Amino acid sequence: MVCPRFALGLLARADRSGTREALIGDLLEELAHGRSRWWLCHQLVGLYWSAFAAHARHHARLTPCAVALALSVVLLGGVSITSADNVLEAWLGFYLVAGTVSLFAHMMARAQVDVRL
């Protein structure tokens, strides 16, 4: 399969945005082995999503006011759709899961730092 010019252009743009060359090389190698266009589109979406998340993580600064405003909009939007009890129950469930995941991620990061020392 000949790689479409559009996909090659996106891969070249991804390389300029700081994506590792090895990842792009792997994509091109898989295309040479006969992967489908659907597979390529799937991989490009993943590639750009991870690049966007990395860019946002490094450049975005969330202030407490912005976070409070966003949470208020989400909660008010939820209350306009369903009852306050359902919104509170969903929010507490999300808070429990997010807090647990955050705790374990912090513990794993701390363990990796301790191993390096």
N, C-alpha and C. Protein backbone atom coordinates (compact mmCIF):
# COMPACT_ATOMS: atom_id res chain seq x y z
N MET A 1 0.85 -1.19 0.00
CA MET A 1 0.00 0.00 0.00
C MET A 1 0.88 1.24 0.00
N VAL A 2 0.58 2.14 -0.87
CA VAL A 2 1.30 3.41 -0.92
C VAL A 2 0.68 4.33 0.12
N CYS A 3 1.52 4.94 0.93
CA CYS A 3 1.04 5.81 2.01
C CYS A 3 0.45 7.09 1.43
N PRO A 4 -0.73 7.48 1.87
CA PRO A 4 -1.32 8.71 1.36
C PRO A 4 -0.49 9.94 1.73
N ARG A 5 -0.48 10.89 0.82
CA ARG A 5 0.29 12.11 1.07
C ARG A 5 -0.19 12.85 2.31
N PHE A 6 -1.50 12.83 2.54
CA PHE A 6 -2.06 13.52 3.70
C PHE A 6 -1.50 12.95 5.00
N ALA A 7 -1.44 11.61 5.09
CA ALA A 7 -0.91 10.97 6.30
C ALA A 7 0.56 11.29 6.47
N LEU A 8 1.31 11.30 5.38
CA LEU A 8 2.73 11.65 5.48
C LEU A 8 2.92 13.09 5.94
N GLY A 9 2.04 13.97 5.46
CA GLY A 9 2.09 15.37 5.91
C GLY A 9 1.80 15.49 7.39
N LEU A 10 0.80 14.73 7.86
CA LEU A 10 0.48 14.75 9.30
C LEU A 10 1.64 14.20 10.13
N LEU A 11 2.26 13.14 9.63
CA LEU A 11 3.41 12.59 10.36
C LEU A 11 4.57 13.57 10.40
N ALA A 12 4.79 14.28 9.30
CA ALA A 12 5.86 15.29 9.29
C ALA A 12 5.54 16.42 10.26
N ARG A 13 4.27 16.82 10.31
CA ARG A 13 3.86 17.86 11.26
C ARG A 13 4.00 17.38 12.69
N ALA A 14 3.67 16.13 12.94
CA ALA A 14 3.81 15.57 14.28
C ALA A 14 5.27 15.56 14.70
N ASP A 15 6.17 15.30 13.74
CA ASP A 15 7.58 15.29 14.07
C ASP A 15 8.05 16.68 14.49
N ARG A 16 7.53 17.71 13.84
CA ARG A 16 7.91 19.07 14.23
C ARG A 16 7.33 19.47 15.58
N SER A 17 6.23 18.81 15.99
CA SER A 17 5.62 19.17 17.26
C SER A 17 6.30 18.47 18.44
N GLY A 18 7.35 17.69 18.19
CA GLY A 18 8.09 17.08 19.28
C GLY A 18 7.80 15.61 19.49
N THR A 19 7.06 14.99 18.59
CA THR A 19 6.80 13.56 18.72
C THR A 19 8.08 12.81 18.37
N ARG A 20 8.32 11.74 19.10
CA ARG A 20 9.56 11.00 18.90
C ARG A 20 9.63 10.40 17.50
N GLU A 21 10.83 10.46 16.92
CA GLU A 21 11.04 9.94 15.57
C GLU A 21 10.82 8.43 15.52
N ALA A 22 11.12 7.72 16.59
CA ALA A 22 10.96 6.27 16.59
C ALA A 22 9.50 5.88 16.41
N LEU A 23 8.60 6.63 17.03
CA LEU A 23 7.18 6.34 16.90
C LEU A 23 6.71 6.55 15.47
N ILE A 24 7.14 7.63 14.85
CA ILE A 24 6.77 7.89 13.47
C ILE A 24 7.39 6.84 12.56
N GLY A 25 8.62 6.45 12.83
CA GLY A 25 9.26 5.40 12.04
C GLY A 25 8.52 4.08 12.14
N ASP A 26 8.03 3.75 13.33
CA ASP A 26 7.25 2.53 13.50
C ASP A 26 5.96 2.57 12.69
N LEU A 27 5.30 3.73 12.67
CA LEU A 27 4.08 3.87 11.87
C LEU A 27 4.37 3.67 10.38
N LEU A 28 5.43 4.28 9.91
CA LEU A 28 5.78 4.12 8.50
C LEU A 28 6.16 2.69 8.17
N GLU A 29 6.84 2.03 9.09
CA GLU A 29 7.21 0.63 8.88
C GLU A 29 5.98 -0.27 8.81
N GLU A 30 5.02 -0.04 9.70
CA GLU A 30 3.79 -0.83 9.68
C GLU A 30 3.01 -0.59 8.39
N LEU A 31 3.01 0.64 7.90
CA LEU A 31 2.34 0.92 6.63
C LEU A 31 3.01 0.18 5.48
N ALA A 32 4.33 0.08 5.52
CA ALA A 32 5.05 -0.65 4.47
C ALA A 32 4.71 -2.13 4.51
N HIS A 33 4.33 -2.65 5.68
CA HIS A 33 3.96 -4.06 5.81
C HIS A 33 2.50 -4.32 5.47
N GLY A 34 1.76 -3.29 5.04
CA GLY A 34 0.42 -3.52 4.54
C GLY A 34 -0.72 -3.17 5.48
N ARG A 35 -0.50 -2.37 6.48
CA ARG A 35 -1.60 -1.96 7.35
C ARG A 35 -2.61 -1.12 6.57
N SER A 36 -3.86 -1.11 7.03
CA SER A 36 -4.93 -0.42 6.31
C SER A 36 -4.93 1.08 6.62
N ARG A 37 -5.68 1.81 5.80
CA ARG A 37 -5.83 3.25 6.03
C ARG A 37 -6.58 3.50 7.33
N TRP A 38 -7.56 2.64 7.65
CA TRP A 38 -8.30 2.78 8.90
C TRP A 38 -7.36 2.67 10.09
N TRP A 39 -6.43 1.73 10.05
CA TRP A 39 -5.45 1.56 11.12
C TRP A 39 -4.59 2.82 11.24
N LEU A 40 -4.18 3.36 10.09
CA LEU A 40 -3.37 4.57 10.10
C LEU A 40 -4.13 5.74 10.72
N CYS A 41 -5.40 5.91 10.35
CA CYS A 41 -6.20 6.99 10.92
C CYS A 41 -6.33 6.82 12.43
N HIS A 42 -6.55 5.61 12.87
CA HIS A 42 -6.65 5.32 14.30
C HIS A 42 -5.35 5.70 15.02
N GLN A 43 -4.22 5.34 14.45
CA GLN A 43 -2.93 5.64 15.06
C GLN A 43 -2.65 7.14 15.06
N LEU A 44 -3.04 7.83 13.98
CA LEU A 44 -2.81 9.28 13.91
C LEU A 44 -3.65 10.02 14.94
N VAL A 45 -4.89 9.57 15.15
CA VAL A 45 -5.72 10.20 16.18
C VAL A 45 -5.06 10.02 17.55
N GLY A 46 -4.58 8.82 17.83
CA GLY A 46 -3.89 8.58 19.10
C GLY A 46 -2.63 9.40 19.24
N LEU A 47 -1.89 9.51 18.15
CA LEU A 47 -0.65 10.29 18.16
C LEU A 47 -0.92 11.76 18.45
N TYR A 48 -1.92 12.32 17.74
CA TYR A 48 -2.22 13.73 17.96
C TYR A 48 -2.86 13.97 19.31
N TRP A 49 -3.65 13.01 19.81
CA TRP A 49 -4.24 13.19 21.13
C TRP A 49 -3.15 13.22 22.20
N SER A 50 -2.17 12.32 22.11
CA SER A 50 -1.10 12.32 23.11
C SER A 50 -0.24 13.58 22.98
N ALA A 51 0.00 14.05 21.75
CA ALA A 51 0.76 15.29 21.58
C ALA A 51 0.00 16.48 22.14
N PHE A 52 -1.32 16.51 21.92
CA PHE A 52 -2.15 17.59 22.47
C PHE A 52 -2.14 17.57 23.99
N ALA A 53 -2.26 16.38 24.58
CA ALA A 53 -2.26 16.27 26.04
C ALA A 53 -0.92 16.72 26.61
N ALA A 54 0.17 16.35 25.97
CA ALA A 54 1.49 16.77 26.44
C ALA A 54 1.65 18.29 26.32
N HIS A 55 1.18 18.85 25.22
CA HIS A 55 1.26 20.30 25.03
C HIS A 55 0.42 21.02 26.09
N ALA A 56 -0.78 20.53 26.33
CA ALA A 56 -1.65 21.17 27.31
C ALA A 56 -1.05 21.05 28.71
N ARG A 57 -0.45 19.91 29.01
CA ARG A 57 0.15 19.72 30.32
C ARG A 57 1.30 20.69 30.56
N HIS A 58 2.07 20.98 29.51
CA HIS A 58 3.24 21.85 29.68
C HIS A 58 2.91 23.34 29.59
N HIS A 59 1.84 23.69 28.88
CA HIS A 59 1.57 25.11 28.63
C HIS A 59 0.35 25.67 29.33
N ALA A 60 -0.55 24.84 29.73
CA ALA A 60 -1.78 25.35 30.36
C ALA A 60 -1.54 25.56 31.85
N ARG A 61 -2.07 26.64 32.33
CA ARG A 61 -1.99 26.92 33.76
C ARG A 61 -3.41 27.07 34.28
N LEU A 62 -3.82 26.10 35.05
CA LEU A 62 -5.16 26.13 35.61
C LEU A 62 -5.11 26.82 36.96
N THR A 63 -5.74 27.93 37.04
CA THR A 63 -5.81 28.63 38.31
C THR A 63 -6.99 28.08 39.11
N PRO A 64 -6.97 28.24 40.40
CA PRO A 64 -8.10 27.77 41.21
C PRO A 64 -9.43 28.38 40.78
N CYS A 65 -9.41 29.63 40.34
CA CYS A 65 -10.67 30.26 39.89
C CYS A 65 -11.20 29.60 38.63
N ALA A 66 -10.32 29.26 37.69
CA ALA A 66 -10.76 28.60 36.46
C ALA A 66 -11.30 27.21 36.75
N VAL A 67 -10.65 26.49 37.66
CA VAL A 67 -11.13 25.16 38.03
C VAL A 67 -12.48 25.26 38.72
N ALA A 68 -12.63 26.20 39.64
CA ALA A 68 -13.91 26.37 40.34
C ALA A 68 -15.02 26.75 39.37
N LEU A 69 -14.71 27.61 38.41
CA LEU A 69 -15.70 28.01 37.42
C LEU A 69 -16.13 26.82 36.56
N ALA A 70 -15.18 26.03 36.11
CA ALA A 70 -15.50 24.86 35.29
C ALA A 70 -16.35 23.86 36.08
N LEU A 71 -15.99 23.62 37.32
CA LEU A 71 -16.76 22.68 38.15
C LEU A 71 -18.17 23.21 38.40
N SER A 72 -18.30 24.50 38.59
CA SER A 72 -19.61 25.09 38.81
C SER A 72 -20.49 24.94 37.57
N VAL A 73 -19.91 25.16 36.41
CA VAL A 73 -20.67 25.00 35.17
C VAL A 73 -21.12 23.55 35.00
N VAL A 74 -20.25 22.61 35.28
CA VAL A 74 -20.60 21.19 35.16
C VAL A 74 -21.71 20.83 36.14
N LEU A 75 -21.59 21.26 37.39
CA LEU A 75 -22.60 20.93 38.39
C LEU A 75 -23.94 21.59 38.08
N LEU A 76 -23.93 22.86 37.67
CA LEU A 76 -25.18 23.52 37.31
C LEU A 76 -25.82 22.90 36.07
N GLY A 77 -24.99 22.50 35.13
CA GLY A 77 -25.52 21.80 33.96
C GLY A 77 -26.14 20.48 34.33
N GLY A 78 -25.52 19.77 35.26
CA GLY A 78 -26.08 18.50 35.72
C GLY A 78 -27.39 18.67 36.45
N VAL A 79 -27.48 19.70 37.29
CA VAL A 79 -28.71 19.95 38.05
C VAL A 79 -29.84 20.36 37.11
N SER A 80 -29.51 21.01 35.99
CA SER A 80 -30.56 21.40 35.05
C SER A 80 -31.11 20.18 34.30
N ILE A 81 -30.37 19.09 34.25
CA ILE A 81 -30.80 17.89 33.55
C ILE A 81 -31.52 16.92 34.48
N THR A 82 -31.03 16.76 35.69
CA THR A 82 -31.59 15.78 36.62
C THR A 82 -31.64 16.39 38.01
N SER A 83 -32.04 15.60 38.98
CA SER A 83 -32.19 16.12 40.35
C SER A 83 -30.82 16.35 41.00
N ALA A 84 -30.83 17.18 42.01
CA ALA A 84 -29.59 17.50 42.73
C ALA A 84 -29.05 16.26 43.43
N ASP A 85 -29.92 15.36 43.89
CA ASP A 85 -29.45 14.14 44.55
C ASP A 85 -28.64 13.27 43.59
N ASN A 86 -29.13 13.14 42.35
CA ASN A 86 -28.40 12.33 41.37
C ASN A 86 -27.06 12.97 41.01
N VAL A 87 -27.05 14.28 40.90
CA VAL A 87 -25.80 14.98 40.57
C VAL A 87 -24.80 14.82 41.71
N LEU A 88 -25.26 14.98 42.94
CA LEU A 88 -24.37 14.83 44.09
C LEU A 88 -23.83 13.41 44.19
N GLU A 89 -24.67 12.42 43.95
CA GLU A 89 -24.23 11.03 43.99
C GLU A 89 -23.19 10.74 42.91
N ALA A 90 -23.43 11.23 41.70
CA ALA A 90 -22.48 11.04 40.62
C ALA A 90 -21.17 11.77 40.90
N TRP A 91 -21.27 12.98 41.43
CA TRP A 91 -20.08 13.76 41.74
C TRP A 91 -19.24 13.07 42.82
N LEU A 92 -19.87 12.57 43.85
CA LEU A 92 -19.13 11.89 44.92
C LEU A 92 -18.48 10.61 44.41
N GLY A 93 -19.18 9.89 43.53
CA GLY A 93 -18.59 8.69 42.93
C GLY A 93 -17.37 9.03 42.10
N PHE A 94 -17.48 10.07 41.29
CA PHE A 94 -16.35 10.51 40.48
C PHE A 94 -15.20 10.96 41.37
N TYR A 95 -15.51 11.70 42.42
CA TYR A 95 -14.48 12.20 43.33
C TYR A 95 -13.74 11.04 44.00
N LEU A 96 -14.48 10.01 44.38
CA LEU A 96 -13.88 8.84 45.01
C LEU A 96 -12.94 8.13 44.05
N VAL A 97 -13.40 7.89 42.83
CA VAL A 97 -12.56 7.19 41.84
C VAL A 97 -11.35 8.04 41.46
N ALA A 98 -11.56 9.32 41.19
CA ALA A 98 -10.45 10.20 40.79
C ALA A 98 -9.42 10.33 41.92
N GLY A 99 -9.90 10.44 43.15
CA GLY A 99 -8.98 10.53 44.28
C GLY A 99 -8.17 9.26 44.47
N THR A 100 -8.80 8.11 44.29
CA THR A 100 -8.10 6.84 44.43
C THR A 100 -7.05 6.69 43.34
N VAL A 101 -7.41 7.00 42.11
CA VAL A 101 -6.46 6.91 41.00
C VAL A 101 -5.30 7.89 41.23
N SER A 102 -5.60 9.08 41.68
CA SER A 102 -4.56 10.07 41.94
C SER A 102 -3.62 9.61 43.05
N LEU A 103 -4.18 9.02 44.09
CA LEU A 103 -3.37 8.51 45.19
C LEU A 103 -2.42 7.43 44.72
N PHE A 104 -2.92 6.47 43.94
CA PHE A 104 -2.07 5.39 43.45
C PHE A 104 -1.03 5.91 42.47
N ALA A 105 -1.38 6.87 41.63
CA ALA A 105 -0.41 7.45 40.71
C ALA A 105 0.69 8.17 41.47
N HIS A 106 0.32 8.89 42.52
CA HIS A 106 1.31 9.56 43.35
C HIS A 106 2.24 8.55 44.03
N MET A 107 1.66 7.47 44.52
CA MET A 107 2.46 6.43 45.19
C MET A 107 3.43 5.78 44.20
N MET A 108 2.98 5.53 42.97
CA MET A 108 3.85 4.92 41.97
C MET A 108 4.97 5.88 41.56
N ALA A 109 4.65 7.15 41.41
CA ALA A 109 5.68 8.13 41.06
C ALA A 109 6.69 8.25 42.18
N ARG A 110 6.22 8.22 43.40
CA ARG A 110 7.12 8.29 44.56
C ARG A 110 8.02 7.06 44.62
N ALA A 111 7.46 5.89 44.31
CA ALA A 111 8.25 4.65 44.33
C ALA A 111 9.32 4.68 43.25
N GLN A 112 9.02 5.24 42.09
CA GLN A 112 10.02 5.33 41.03
C GLN A 112 11.14 6.27 41.39
N VAL A 113 10.83 7.35 42.09
CA VAL A 113 11.86 8.29 42.54
C VAL A 113 12.74 7.61 43.58
N ASP A 114 12.15 6.85 44.49
CA ASP A 114 12.93 6.16 45.53
C ASP A 114 13.86 5.11 44.92
N VAL A 115 13.41 4.43 43.87
CA VAL A 115 14.23 3.42 43.22
C VAL A 115 15.42 4.06 42.55
N ARG A 116 15.26 5.24 41.95
CA ARG A 116 16.36 5.92 41.26
C ARG A 116 17.43 6.41 42.24
N LEU A 117 17.02 6.74 43.44
CA LEU A 117 17.99 7.24 44.42
C LEU A 117 18.82 6.11 44.88
